[in-house]
Amino acid sequence: MKVIICGAGQVGWQIARHLSGERNDVTVVDSNADLIRRATDALDVQGIAGFASYPDVLERAGARDADMVIAATHSDEVNMVTCQVAHSVFSVPRKIARLRAQSYLTAIYSDLYRRDHLPIDVVISPEREVAEAALQRLGSPSAFDTEVFHDGKAQLLGITIEDACPVVNTPLRQLSDLFSTLRAIVVGVRRQGTLFAPEPGDQLFVGDDCYVVVANEDVARTLEIFGKTTKKQERIVVIGGGNVGLAVATRLEERAERLRVKMIEKNRHVAEHAADILERTIVLHGDGMDSVLLKEANIDRADAVLCVTDDDKTNMLAAVRAKAEGCRMAIVLINDPTMVPLMTPLGIDAYINPRASTVSSILRHIRHGRVRGVYSIGDAEAEVIEAEVLSTSPISGKKITDIDFPEGVLIGMVQKGAKLVRPTGSLRIDEGDVITIFSLASDVPEVERLLQVSIDFF
């Protein structure tokens, strides 16, 4: 497949990294020549320095025979014009645009929007993705990372192993024997900074971060087995009233249950704008790291604080201050994945990586139709892929124990019809089954070969 990626920033870089690694013909376009040089030096991609919305630049990038354009520059207007030019001048079949401004999103998602007026096939909103991720974190307060699969019937939970964990130092094989009816599989473990797919004989140690695929009905029991408790989140404090904070607060107001939400925003104009839009949220003007203001927001009684300003260090420090003042749980927005190892030492409970959320959302839309979901873990270190098994797939009709998966790949869940089944070695994978697979990034091409999903992306 021939893909043009407009924008060589964090999101564009990761998309290019994924697609070029899967042997697609990828061209990256950016007005910053240094970013283009970085991409072409590190990735198997072509690079064009220039403005992505210019027809001559798109033509040099090969738009006349491109299968897809992904517009992920920092400018909404450039992204929209790029899709328009790709459609009108070059007849590119599929156009994806990342848009941030709420005004554009409101128009696009309204009934007044018509695709023939603005030919964008898929709109990706980082703010909406982050808001959804924040709600998922709040729904699983004991997990540092979450994602839903199988139409909401299963979840991926990131769980930190602590001293109180009853199954610490227990081989995973023994866990399967002890809890034979539990539909939960540990598919990934991060130990001392290294992520790997565990073997049945591997044990979990204190300090490990493990990723578990679990059926929704078994989430509470799984958390209990791992020594975690669940508590309903009713009092929320949001620090940061920009696009992300406003999207999060809006989604919280839309929830059926009555939540008590307070927002703290340092910029008066932004705070007033948020106060005008939000109906039930109390907006306070001031510094989210001010202990006096935090006390005014009753941070000591809050079930969770969401730190979602546009500065990673501010988010981390605000979370530390909130926890010191008595807040039970802190969730931070982190753009720089190198900051993630600092979360545990600082006592921060969970984080949201907007880049990972956006990349995962884009990947869901550019994979083959049989792939139903993709979630990127860490700094694109691994993927969790949900896909339907085709009759032509090499794994169709085989028992799991007979499938030659790479070492970095594990099946987390199998859906047969409407029923979720825990994968065991004797379970046969049949045509039409939907499976959720954990795969280290280096093994993704082999997984796609086994699933037969890299032939056609749309």
Protein backbone atom coordinates (compact mmCIF):
# COMPACT_ATOMS: atom_id res chain seq x y z
CA MET A 1 0.00 0.00 0.00
CA LYS A 2 1.26 3.48 -0.84
CA VAL A 3 0.71 6.00 1.98
CA ILE A 4 1.56 9.69 2.26
CA ILE A 5 1.93 10.91 5.85
CA CYS A 6 1.76 14.68 6.20
CA GLY A 7 3.50 15.81 9.36
CA ALA A 8 6.69 14.32 10.78
CA GLY A 9 5.97 15.14 14.41
CA GLN A 10 5.38 12.58 17.14
CA VAL A 11 2.18 11.13 15.68
CA GLY A 12 3.36 11.16 12.06
CA TRP A 13 6.67 9.60 13.09
CA GLN A 14 4.99 6.70 14.90
CA ILE A 15 2.54 6.02 12.06
CA ALA A 16 5.43 6.05 9.58
CA ARG A 17 7.37 3.73 11.86
CA HIS A 18 4.49 1.25 12.01
CA LEU A 19 3.64 1.27 8.31
CA SER A 20 7.20 1.24 6.98
CA GLY A 21 7.98 -1.68 9.29
CA GLU A 22 5.13 -3.57 7.63
CA ARG A 23 6.71 -3.11 4.21
CA ASN A 24 4.36 -0.42 2.93
CA ASP A 25 5.50 2.31 0.54
CA VAL A 26 5.57 5.34 2.87
CA THR A 27 6.38 8.96 2.04
CA VAL A 28 6.59 11.57 4.82
CA VAL A 29 5.96 15.25 4.07
CA ASP A 30 6.83 18.13 6.43
CA SER A 31 7.84 21.76 6.09
CA ASN A 32 10.68 21.14 8.58
CA ALA A 33 13.62 19.71 6.66
CA ASP A 34 15.32 18.54 9.87
CA LEU A 35 12.31 16.36 10.77
CA ILE A 36 12.30 14.89 7.27
CA ARG A 37 16.01 14.12 7.55
CA ARG A 38 15.45 12.42 10.91
CA ALA A 39 12.65 10.28 9.46
CA THR A 40 14.57 9.19 6.34
CA ASP A 41 17.71 8.43 8.35
CA ALA A 42 15.93 6.27 10.92
CA LEU A 43 13.04 4.74 8.94
CA ASP A 44 12.59 3.02 5.61
CA VAL A 45 10.59 5.92 4.17
CA GLN A 46 10.92 8.59 1.51
CA GLY A 47 10.86 12.22 2.58
CA ILE A 48 9.65 15.43 0.97
CA ALA A 49 10.34 18.83 2.53
CA GLY A 50 7.51 21.26 1.81
CA PHE A 51 3.99 22.32 2.74
CA ALA A 52 1.70 19.32 2.62
CA SER A 53 -1.29 21.27 1.31
CA TYR A 54 0.56 22.44 -1.82
CA PRO A 55 -0.46 20.40 -4.91
CA ASP A 56 3.09 20.35 -6.30
CA VAL A 57 4.43 19.00 -3.00
CA LEU A 58 1.80 16.25 -2.90
CA GLU A 59 2.56 15.40 -6.51
CA ARG A 60 6.27 15.02 -5.69
CA ALA A 61 5.22 12.76 -2.82
CA GLY A 62 3.43 10.48 -5.29
CA ALA A 63 -0.19 11.47 -4.66
CA ARG A 64 -1.31 10.46 -8.17
CA ASP A 65 -1.03 6.77 -7.33
CA ALA A 66 -1.31 6.93 -3.51
CA ASP A 67 -3.82 4.74 -1.70
CA MET A 68 -4.13 6.95 1.37
CA VAL A 69 -3.20 10.35 2.77
CA ILE A 70 -2.87 10.83 6.53
CA ALA A 71 -2.84 14.54 7.42
CA ALA A 72 -1.35 14.84 10.92
CA THR A 73 0.38 18.23 10.91
CA HIS A 74 -0.02 20.63 13.81
CA SER A 75 -2.44 22.81 11.81
CA ASP A 76 -6.10 21.85 11.43
CA GLU A 77 -6.41 24.09 8.38
CA VAL A 78 -3.41 22.50 6.64
CA ASN A 79 -4.81 19.04 7.38
CA MET A 80 -8.22 19.91 5.93
CA VAL A 81 -6.82 21.58 2.81
CA THR A 82 -4.42 18.66 2.30
CA CYS A 83 -7.37 16.23 2.24
CA GLN A 84 -9.29 18.50 -0.12
CA VAL A 85 -6.37 18.75 -2.55
CA ALA A 86 -5.71 15.01 -2.31
CA HIS A 87 -9.35 14.39 -3.23
CA SER A 88 -9.98 17.07 -5.86
CA VAL A 89 -6.64 17.07 -7.66
CA PHE A 90 -5.32 13.53 -7.20
CA SER A 91 -8.43 11.42 -6.41
CA VAL A 92 -6.71 9.71 -3.46
CA PRO A 93 -9.18 7.00 -2.31
CA ARG A 94 -8.84 7.48 1.47
CA LYS A 95 -8.12 10.60 3.51
CA ILE A 96 -7.57 10.79 7.29
CA ALA A 97 -7.18 14.11 9.13
CA ARG A 98 -6.27 14.98 12.69
CA LEU A 99 -8.33 17.96 13.90
CA ARG A 100 -8.15 19.70 17.27
CA ALA A 101 -10.40 22.79 17.16
CA GLN A 102 -13.78 22.11 18.74
CA SER A 103 -15.51 24.40 16.25
CA TYR A 104 -14.42 22.20 13.32
CA LEU A 105 -15.34 19.03 15.18
CA THR A 106 -18.78 20.33 16.06
CA ALA A 107 -19.47 21.16 12.40
CA ILE A 108 -18.08 17.88 11.14
CA TYR A 109 -20.02 15.71 13.58
CA SER A 110 -23.27 17.64 13.11
CA ASP A 111 -26.08 16.75 10.71
CA LEU A 112 -25.18 19.79 8.63
CA TYR A 113 -21.90 18.21 7.59
CA ARG A 114 -21.73 16.65 4.14
CA ARG A 115 -18.69 14.63 3.09
CA ASP A 116 -18.76 15.90 -0.48
CA HIS A 117 -18.14 19.42 0.86
CA LEU A 118 -15.08 18.42 2.88
CA PRO A 119 -13.79 15.04 1.67
CA ILE A 120 -12.31 13.59 4.87
CA ASP A 121 -13.08 9.91 5.36
CA VAL A 122 -11.92 9.71 8.98
CA VAL A 123 -11.51 12.53 11.48
CA ILE A 124 -9.20 11.90 14.44
CA SER A 125 -9.61 14.18 17.47
CA PRO A 126 -6.77 13.86 20.00
CA GLU A 127 -8.89 15.60 22.63
CA ARG A 128 -11.74 13.13 22.19
CA GLU A 129 -9.31 10.20 22.30
CA VAL A 130 -7.73 11.52 25.50
CA ALA A 131 -11.12 12.17 27.09
CA GLU A 132 -12.16 8.60 26.33
CA ALA A 133 -8.88 7.30 27.74
CA ALA A 134 -9.41 9.37 30.91
CA LEU A 135 -12.88 7.89 31.41
CA GLN A 136 -11.44 4.40 31.00
CA ARG A 137 -8.76 5.13 33.63
CA LEU A 138 -11.42 6.39 36.02
CA GLY A 139 -13.48 3.27 35.38
CA SER A 140 -10.54 1.07 36.41
CA PRO A 141 -8.84 3.07 39.17
CA SER A 142 -6.52 0.21 40.13
CA ALA A 143 -5.03 0.02 36.61
CA PHE A 144 -2.40 2.35 35.17
CA ASP A 145 -3.46 1.59 31.59
CA THR A 146 -6.74 0.40 30.04
CA GLU A 147 -8.30 -0.29 26.65
CA VAL A 148 -11.51 -2.06 25.59
CA PHE A 149 -11.85 -4.90 23.09
CA HIS A 150 -14.52 -7.25 21.74
CA ASP A 151 -17.18 -4.53 21.55
CA GLY A 152 -16.64 -3.64 25.20
CA LYS A 153 -16.87 -7.24 26.45
CA ALA A 154 -13.17 -7.43 27.38
CA GLN A 155 -10.47 -5.08 28.60
CA LEU A 156 -6.72 -4.75 28.58
CA LEU A 157 -5.61 -3.75 32.09
CA GLY A 158 -2.17 -2.50 33.07
CA ILE A 159 -1.56 -3.61 36.67
CA THR A 160 1.46 -2.84 38.87
CA ILE A 161 2.51 -5.73 41.11
CA GLU A 162 2.86 -4.56 44.73
CA ASP A 163 3.80 -6.19 48.03
CA ALA A 164 0.16 -6.97 48.83
CA CYS A 165 -0.30 -8.99 45.62
CA PRO A 166 -1.30 -12.57 46.67
CA VAL A 167 0.14 -14.15 43.51
CA VAL A 168 3.60 -12.59 43.61
CA ASN A 169 6.39 -15.12 42.88
CA THR A 170 3.80 -17.55 41.50
CA PRO A 171 4.41 -19.15 38.07
CA LEU A 172 1.77 -18.09 35.55
CA ARG A 173 1.11 -21.75 34.76
CA GLN A 174 0.07 -22.26 38.36
CA LEU A 175 -2.27 -19.26 38.18
CA SER A 176 -4.09 -20.94 35.30
CA ASP A 177 -4.50 -24.08 37.42
CA LEU A 178 -5.65 -22.21 40.55
CA PHE A 179 -8.21 -20.06 38.72
CA SER A 180 -9.28 -22.36 35.90
CA THR A 181 -12.60 -20.53 35.28
CA LEU A 182 -11.07 -17.04 35.26
CA ARG A 183 -11.05 -15.53 31.77
CA ALA A 184 -7.87 -13.53 32.20
CA ILE A 185 -4.43 -13.91 30.62
CA VAL A 186 -1.21 -12.06 31.43
CA VAL A 187 0.04 -11.19 27.94
CA GLY A 188 2.84 -8.74 28.68
CA VAL A 189 5.23 -7.86 31.51
CA ARG A 190 7.49 -4.85 31.88
CA ARG A 191 10.39 -5.56 34.23
CA GLN A 192 13.16 -3.03 34.87
CA GLY A 193 12.15 -1.14 31.74
CA THR A 194 12.00 -4.14 29.40
CA LEU A 195 8.67 -5.32 27.93
CA PHE A 196 8.27 -9.00 27.07
CA ALA A 197 5.64 -11.68 26.49
CA PRO A 198 5.88 -14.09 29.46
CA GLU A 199 6.29 -17.85 29.29
CA PRO A 200 4.03 -20.18 31.35
CA GLY A 201 6.87 -20.76 33.82
CA ASP A 202 7.58 -17.07 34.39
CA GLN A 203 6.71 -15.49 37.73
CA LEU A 204 5.49 -12.00 38.63
CA PHE A 205 7.68 -9.99 40.98
CA VAL A 206 7.06 -6.87 43.05
CA GLY A 207 7.57 -3.82 40.83
CA ASP A 208 6.52 -5.55 37.60
CA ASP A 209 3.99 -3.83 35.36
CA CYS A 210 1.84 -6.51 33.75
CA TYR A 211 -0.76 -6.30 31.00
CA VAL A 212 -3.79 -8.55 31.41
CA VAL A 213 -6.57 -9.25 28.89
CA VAL A 214 -9.72 -10.02 30.89
CA ALA A 215 -13.44 -10.50 30.23
CA ASN A 216 -15.54 -7.71 31.74
CA GLU A 217 -17.43 -10.06 34.09
CA ASP A 218 -14.09 -11.19 35.56
CA VAL A 219 -12.46 -7.76 36.02
CA ALA A 220 -13.36 -7.38 39.72
CA ARG A 221 -12.18 -10.90 40.55
CA THR A 222 -8.96 -10.41 38.56
CA LEU A 223 -8.14 -7.19 40.38
CA GLU A 224 -8.80 -8.92 43.70
CA ILE A 225 -6.42 -11.75 42.75
CA PHE A 226 -3.76 -9.17 41.98
CA GLY A 227 -4.33 -7.45 45.32
CA LYS A 228 -6.21 -4.45 43.97
CA THR A 229 -9.39 -2.83 45.27
CA THR A 230 -12.06 -0.97 43.31
CA LYS A 231 -13.83 2.17 44.45
CA LYS A 232 -16.40 4.27 42.64
CA GLN A 233 -15.05 7.64 41.51
CA GLU A 234 -17.52 10.38 42.48
CA ARG A 235 -15.42 13.49 43.22
CA ILE A 236 -13.08 14.54 40.42
CA VAL A 237 -10.70 17.49 40.15
CA VAL A 238 -9.43 18.43 36.67
CA ILE A 239 -6.28 20.56 36.51
CA GLY A 240 -6.09 22.29 33.13
CA GLY A 241 -8.99 23.85 31.26
CA GLY A 242 -7.64 23.82 27.71
CA ASN A 243 -8.93 21.67 24.87
CA VAL A 244 -8.14 18.41 26.64
CA GLY A 245 -9.42 19.48 30.07
CA LEU A 246 -12.58 20.88 28.54
CA ALA A 247 -13.20 17.66 26.58
CA VAL A 248 -12.69 15.55 29.71
CA ALA A 249 -15.00 17.70 31.83
CA THR A 250 -17.65 17.71 29.11
CA ARG A 251 -17.58 13.91 28.89
CA LEU A 252 -17.81 13.65 32.67
CA GLU A 253 -20.89 15.89 32.64
CA GLU A 254 -22.48 13.65 30.00
CA ARG A 255 -22.24 10.56 32.19
CA ALA A 256 -25.47 9.20 33.64
CA GLU A 257 -24.23 9.07 37.23
CA ARG A 258 -23.97 12.34 39.10
CA LEU A 259 -20.33 13.33 39.56
CA ARG A 260 -18.91 16.27 41.47
CA VAL A 261 -16.33 17.82 39.15
CA LYS A 262 -14.13 20.84 39.79
CA MET A 263 -11.67 22.38 37.35
CA ILE A 264 -8.59 24.50 38.06
CA GLU A 265 -7.18 26.66 35.24
CA LYS A 266 -4.32 29.16 35.52
CA ASN A 267 -5.24 31.34 32.53
CA ARG A 268 -8.21 33.60 33.32
CA HIS A 269 -9.46 33.80 29.72
CA VAL A 270 -9.33 30.00 29.34
CA ALA A 271 -11.03 29.56 32.73
CA GLU A 272 -13.84 31.93 31.78
CA HIS A 273 -14.31 30.14 28.45
CA ALA A 274 -14.56 26.78 30.22
CA ALA A 275 -17.01 28.19 32.77
CA ASP A 276 -19.25 29.45 29.97
CA ILE A 277 -19.39 26.04 28.28
CA LEU A 278 -19.59 23.71 31.27
CA GLU A 279 -22.90 23.47 33.11
CA ARG A 280 -22.29 21.49 36.30
CA THR A 281 -18.52 21.81 36.70
CA ILE A 282 -17.15 24.37 39.17
CA VAL A 283 -14.27 26.25 37.51
CA LEU A 284 -11.60 27.82 39.74
CA HIS A 285 -9.06 30.32 38.43
CA GLY A 286 -5.54 29.76 39.72
CA ASP A 287 -2.44 27.57 39.82
CA GLY A 288 -3.09 23.84 40.12
CA MET A 289 0.05 23.52 42.26
CA ASP A 290 -1.15 26.09 44.80
CA SER A 291 -1.88 24.16 48.00
CA VAL A 292 -4.36 26.83 49.17
CA LEU A 293 -6.35 26.55 45.94
CA LEU A 294 -6.21 22.76 46.09
CA LYS A 295 -7.69 22.88 49.59
CA GLU A 296 -10.42 25.19 48.30
CA ALA A 297 -11.17 22.51 45.69
CA ASN A 298 -11.39 19.96 48.55
CA ILE A 299 -8.59 17.91 47.04
CA ASP A 300 -8.31 15.85 50.24
CA ARG A 301 -11.83 14.52 49.62
CA ALA A 302 -11.36 13.95 45.88
CA ASP A 303 -11.39 10.41 44.56
CA ALA A 304 -9.16 11.37 41.63
CA VAL A 305 -7.27 14.29 40.11
CA LEU A 306 -6.76 14.53 36.34
CA CYS A 307 -3.75 16.70 35.45
CA VAL A 308 -4.18 17.55 31.76
CA THR A 309 -2.33 20.81 31.10
CA ASP A 310 -0.14 21.10 28.00
CA ASP A 311 3.07 20.74 30.06
CA ASP A 312 4.25 17.30 31.21
CA LYS A 313 6.30 18.59 34.15
CA THR A 314 3.42 20.73 35.39
CA ASN A 315 1.11 17.72 35.25
CA MET A 316 3.53 15.55 37.19
CA LEU A 317 4.23 18.15 39.88
CA ALA A 318 0.54 18.99 40.23
CA ALA A 319 -0.23 15.29 40.67
CA VAL A 320 2.45 14.93 43.35
CA ARG A 321 1.12 17.99 45.19
CA ALA A 322 -2.47 16.71 44.97
CA LYS A 323 -1.47 13.31 46.36
CA ALA A 324 0.45 15.03 49.16
CA GLU A 325 -2.69 16.99 50.02
CA GLY A 326 -4.69 13.77 50.38
CA CYS A 327 -6.11 12.96 46.92
CA ARG A 328 -6.59 9.22 46.54
CA MET A 329 -5.66 8.84 42.87
CA ALA A 330 -3.68 10.88 40.35
CA ILE A 331 -3.87 10.54 36.55
CA VAL A 332 -1.55 12.64 34.40
CA LEU A 333 -1.31 13.52 30.73
CA ILE A 334 2.18 12.69 29.46
CA ASN A 335 3.34 13.51 25.93
CA ASP A 336 6.95 12.43 26.46
CA PRO A 337 7.09 8.63 26.94
CA THR A 338 10.55 8.91 28.54
CA MET A 339 8.80 10.42 31.56
CA VAL A 340 6.72 7.27 32.16
CA PRO A 341 9.37 5.47 34.31
CA LEU A 342 9.08 8.36 36.80
CA MET A 343 5.40 7.65 37.46
CA THR A 344 5.87 4.93 40.08
CA PRO A 345 8.65 6.65 42.12
CA LEU A 346 6.51 9.81 42.24
CA GLY A 347 3.43 7.90 43.41
CA ILE A 348 1.39 8.73 40.28
CA ASP A 349 -1.24 6.08 39.70
CA ALA A 350 -1.94 6.23 35.96
CA TYR A 351 -1.06 8.18 32.85
CA ILE A 352 -2.53 8.99 29.45
CA ASN A 353 -0.29 9.28 26.42
CA PRO A 354 -2.19 11.33 23.80
CA ARG A 355 0.26 10.29 21.12
CA ALA A 356 -0.38 6.60 21.80
CA SER A 357 -4.15 7.21 21.87
CA THR A 358 -4.05 9.09 18.56
CA VAL A 359 -1.71 6.58 16.91
CA SER A 360 -3.92 3.69 18.03
CA SER A 361 -7.01 5.45 16.69
CA ILE A 362 -5.39 6.05 13.30
CA LEU A 363 -4.12 2.47 13.13
CA ARG A 364 -7.65 1.18 13.76
CA HIS A 365 -8.79 3.01 10.64
CA ILE A 366 -5.98 2.05 8.29
CA ARG A 367 -5.77 -1.65 9.02
CA HIS A 368 -7.67 -4.19 6.98
CA GLY A 369 -11.40 -4.40 7.70
CA ARG A 370 -10.91 -7.72 9.52
CA VAL A 371 -8.83 -5.93 12.14
CA ARG A 372 -11.31 -4.51 14.62
CA GLY A 373 -9.00 -2.79 17.08
CA VAL A 374 -5.37 -1.87 17.64
CA TYR A 375 -3.83 -0.45 20.81
CA SER A 376 -0.23 0.74 21.02
CA ILE A 377 1.60 0.06 24.30
CA GLY A 378 4.31 2.33 25.65
CA ASP A 379 6.51 4.07 23.13
CA ALA A 380 5.17 1.88 20.29
CA GLU A 381 6.91 -1.09 21.94
CA ALA A 382 4.01 -3.47 21.40
CA GLU A 383 0.50 -3.70 19.97
CA VAL A 384 -2.64 -5.43 21.12
CA ILE A 385 -4.58 -6.39 17.98
CA GLU A 386 -8.17 -7.60 17.76
CA ALA A 387 -8.92 -9.35 14.48
CA GLU A 388 -11.32 -11.79 12.86
CA VAL A 389 -9.79 -15.04 11.63
CA LEU A 390 -10.19 -15.61 7.89
CA SER A 391 -10.57 -18.99 6.20
CA THR A 392 -7.28 -18.30 4.37
CA SER A 393 -5.38 -17.59 7.59
CA PRO A 394 -2.60 -20.10 8.42
CA ILE A 395 -3.96 -20.35 11.98
CA SER A 396 -7.53 -21.25 10.95
CA GLY A 397 -8.47 -24.78 12.00
CA LYS A 398 -5.41 -25.21 14.23
CA LYS A 399 -5.08 -25.68 17.97
CA ILE A 400 -3.24 -22.85 19.71
CA THR A 401 -0.46 -25.20 20.78
CA ASP A 402 0.17 -26.06 17.10
CA ILE A 403 0.45 -22.44 15.92
CA ASP A 404 4.02 -21.25 15.42
CA PHE A 405 3.76 -17.82 17.04
CA PRO A 406 6.93 -15.75 17.57
CA GLU A 407 8.23 -15.55 21.15
CA GLY A 408 6.88 -12.02 21.56
CA VAL A 409 3.27 -12.97 20.75
CA LEU A 410 0.47 -14.27 22.98
CA ILE A 411 -3.29 -14.72 22.46
CA GLY A 412 -5.22 -12.94 25.21
CA MET A 413 -8.84 -13.76 24.38
CA VAL A 414 -10.89 -15.69 21.83
CA GLN A 415 -14.49 -14.85 20.90
CA LYS A 416 -16.55 -17.66 19.37
CA GLY A 417 -19.89 -16.24 18.32
CA ALA A 418 -21.11 -14.20 21.28
CA LYS A 419 -19.05 -16.15 23.82
CA LEU A 420 -15.64 -15.09 25.16
CA VAL A 421 -13.31 -18.03 25.72
CA ARG A 422 -10.05 -18.09 27.60
CA PRO A 423 -7.28 -19.35 25.29
CA THR A 424 -5.69 -22.69 26.17
CA GLY A 425 -3.29 -24.86 24.23
CA SER A 426 -6.04 -27.29 23.24
CA LEU A 427 -8.44 -24.59 21.98
CA ARG A 428 -8.94 -24.65 18.21
CA ILE A 429 -9.03 -21.37 16.29
CA ASP A 430 -11.73 -21.46 13.62
CA GLU A 431 -12.77 -19.22 10.75
CA GLY A 432 -14.89 -16.35 12.05
CA ASP A 433 -13.38 -16.38 15.54
CA VAL A 434 -12.29 -12.98 16.84
CA ILE A 435 -8.99 -13.08 18.70
CA THR A 436 -7.06 -10.51 20.71
CA ILE A 437 -3.30 -10.81 20.33
CA PHE A 438 -0.43 -9.14 22.21
CA SER A 439 2.60 -8.66 19.97
CA LEU A 440 5.92 -6.95 20.45
CA ALA A 441 6.47 -4.36 17.71
CA SER A 442 9.12 -6.45 15.93
CA ASP A 443 6.67 -9.36 15.59
CA VAL A 444 3.69 -7.40 14.21
CA PRO A 445 4.49 -8.19 10.54
CA GLU A 446 4.51 -11.92 11.32
CA VAL A 447 1.20 -11.60 13.19
CA GLU A 448 -0.33 -9.89 10.19
CA ARG A 449 0.96 -12.68 7.95
CA LEU A 450 -0.65 -15.26 10.22
CA LEU A 451 -3.89 -13.29 10.22
CA GLN A 452 -3.70 -12.57 6.48
CA VAL A 453 -4.56 -8.94 7.09
CA SER A 454 -1.84 -7.02 5.29
CA ILE A 455 -3.16 -7.71 1.78
CA ASP A 456 -5.73 -4.91 1.67
CA PHE A 457 -6.17 -2.14 4.22
CA PHE A 458 -9.57 -0.78 3.20
